């Protein structure tokens, strides 16, 4: 199992890496509360996330909620395909798009997953 971590890069920028799951997100949430405090514009790069499940999506949604409550702007980049797919299935992908995460690769990955059809072999 890979440990998750959040690294402050300065000027409100953060990089998240490792696995986001029920075991790791609680510590990440605690770390982020201290790290995000007092920052008006947050840039969170999720490019280092190696794997995720619904707990990772829940963490992102919690960060969105906390940012709104704290009058902060938050932007996510490099959202993993697993999280994008879970967001679409859960019908919360618009929340991620509203944070600016809908531009670029993340949205097109979700669209590609949605429109992918695996043809069955037909017998004549």
Protein backbone atom coordinates (compact mmCIF):
# COMPACT_ATOMS: atom_id res chain seq x y z
CA UNK A 1 0.00 0.00 0.00
CA UNK A 2 1.28 3.44 -0.92
CA UNK A 3 1.10 6.25 1.63
CA UNK A 4 -0.56 9.44 0.49
CA UNK A 5 0.92 12.84 1.14
CA UNK A 6 0.30 16.47 0.42
CA UNK A 7 3.25 18.68 -0.37
CA UNK A 8 3.15 22.48 -0.19
CA UNK A 9 4.85 23.99 -3.24
CA UNK A 10 4.37 27.61 -2.18
CA UNK A 11 2.02 30.39 -3.28
CA UNK A 12 -1.09 28.28 -2.54
CA UNK A 13 0.04 25.38 -4.72
CA UNK A 14 -0.05 21.80 -3.45
CA UNK A 15 0.77 18.38 -4.89
CA UNK A 16 -0.98 15.23 -3.72
CA UNK A 17 0.67 11.85 -4.25
CA UNK A 18 0.15 8.21 -3.31
CA UNK A 19 -3.04 6.19 -2.94
CA UNK A 20 -6.27 7.92 -1.93
CA UNK A 21 -8.39 5.43 -0.03
CA UNK A 22 -10.25 5.04 3.26
CA UNK A 23 -6.98 4.47 5.11
CA UNK A 24 -5.10 7.51 3.78
CA UNK A 25 -7.65 10.28 3.24
CA UNK A 26 -8.30 10.96 6.92
CA UNK A 27 -4.67 11.94 7.52
CA UNK A 28 -4.62 13.94 4.29
CA UNK A 29 -7.71 15.84 5.37
CA UNK A 30 -6.09 16.71 8.71
CA UNK A 31 -2.88 17.82 6.98
CA UNK A 32 -4.76 19.88 4.42
CA UNK A 33 -6.77 21.78 7.02
CA UNK A 34 -3.57 23.20 8.47
CA UNK A 35 -1.92 23.68 5.07
CA UNK A 36 -4.91 25.33 3.38
CA UNK A 37 -5.71 27.70 6.27
CA UNK A 38 -5.32 31.35 5.35
CA UNK A 39 -4.74 30.68 1.64
CA UNK A 40 -7.25 32.48 -0.59
CA UNK A 41 -6.47 30.64 -3.85
CA UNK A 42 -5.63 26.94 -3.77
CA UNK A 43 -4.11 25.01 -6.68
CA UNK A 44 -4.14 21.25 -5.99
CA UNK A 45 -2.27 19.00 -8.42
CA UNK A 46 -3.44 15.38 -8.20
CA UNK A 47 -0.98 14.11 -10.81
CA UNK A 48 0.95 12.09 -8.24
CA UNK A 49 -2.06 10.04 -7.15
CA UNK A 50 -1.26 6.41 -7.93
CA UNK A 51 -4.73 4.99 -7.27
CA UNK A 52 -8.01 6.07 -5.74
CA UNK A 53 -11.45 4.92 -4.77
CA UNK A 54 -14.60 6.68 -3.57
CA UNK A 55 -12.73 7.95 -0.49
CA UNK A 56 -10.50 9.99 -2.80
CA UNK A 57 -13.55 11.54 -4.44
CA UNK A 58 -15.02 12.24 -1.01
CA UNK A 59 -11.80 14.02 -0.01
CA UNK A 60 -11.96 16.27 -3.08
CA UNK A 61 -15.62 17.06 -2.41
CA UNK A 62 -14.76 17.91 1.20
CA UNK A 63 -12.01 20.23 0.00
CA UNK A 64 -14.54 21.92 -2.31
CA UNK A 65 -17.03 22.32 0.55
CA UNK A 66 -14.41 23.69 2.95
CA UNK A 67 -13.10 26.13 0.33
CA UNK A 68 -16.59 27.48 -0.31
CA UNK A 69 -17.21 27.87 3.42
CA UNK A 70 -13.87 29.63 3.86
CA UNK A 71 -14.30 31.98 0.89
CA UNK A 72 -11.38 30.30 -0.88
CA UNK A 73 -10.98 29.50 -4.54
CA UNK A 74 -9.83 25.98 -5.28
CA UNK A 75 -8.67 24.48 -8.54
CA UNK A 76 -7.76 20.84 -9.17
CA UNK A 77 -5.46 19.69 -11.95
CA UNK A 78 -4.52 16.26 -13.22
CA UNK A 79 -7.52 14.53 -11.70
CA UNK A 80 -6.99 10.78 -12.07
CA UNK A 81 -9.30 8.92 -14.45
CA UNK A 82 -10.58 6.78 -11.55
CA UNK A 83 -11.82 9.85 -9.67
CA UNK A 84 -13.28 11.43 -12.82
CA UNK A 85 -15.20 8.23 -13.56
CA UNK A 86 -16.50 7.99 -9.98
CA UNK A 87 -17.55 11.65 -10.12
CA UNK A 88 -19.46 11.04 -13.36
CA UNK A 89 -21.18 7.91 -12.02
CA UNK A 90 -22.04 9.76 -8.80
CA UNK A 91 -23.30 12.72 -10.84
CA UNK A 92 -20.97 15.19 -9.11
CA UNK A 93 -18.65 15.80 -12.07
CA UNK A 94 -20.22 19.25 -12.48
CA UNK A 95 -18.88 20.18 -9.04
CA UNK A 96 -15.37 19.32 -10.18
CA UNK A 97 -15.90 21.21 -13.43
CA UNK A 98 -17.04 24.27 -11.45
CA UNK A 99 -13.69 24.25 -9.63
CA UNK A 100 -11.93 24.62 -12.96
CA UNK A 101 -11.08 20.94 -13.17
CA UNK A 102 -13.34 20.44 -16.15
CA UNK A 103 -10.93 21.99 -18.62
CA UNK A 104 -8.52 19.87 -20.55
CA UNK A 105 -7.77 16.20 -20.11
CA UNK A 106 -10.04 15.37 -17.20
CA UNK A 107 -13.27 16.16 -19.05
CA UNK A 108 -12.18 14.44 -22.23
CA UNK A 109 -11.18 11.33 -20.27
CA UNK A 110 -14.66 11.19 -18.74
CA UNK A 111 -16.24 11.68 -22.17
CA UNK A 112 -14.04 8.96 -23.65
CA UNK A 113 -15.01 6.54 -20.89
CA UNK A 114 -18.67 7.39 -21.34
CA UNK A 115 -18.60 6.86 -25.09
CA UNK A 116 -16.43 3.76 -25.20
CA UNK A 117 -18.29 0.77 -26.60
CA UNK A 118 -16.85 -2.69 -26.74
CA UNK A 119 -18.35 -4.51 -29.71
CA UNK A 120 -19.56 -8.05 -29.20
CA UNK A 121 -18.53 -10.71 -31.63
CA UNK A 122 -21.43 -11.44 -33.92
CA UNK A 123 -22.02 -14.80 -35.49
CA UNK A 124 -23.65 -15.02 -38.88
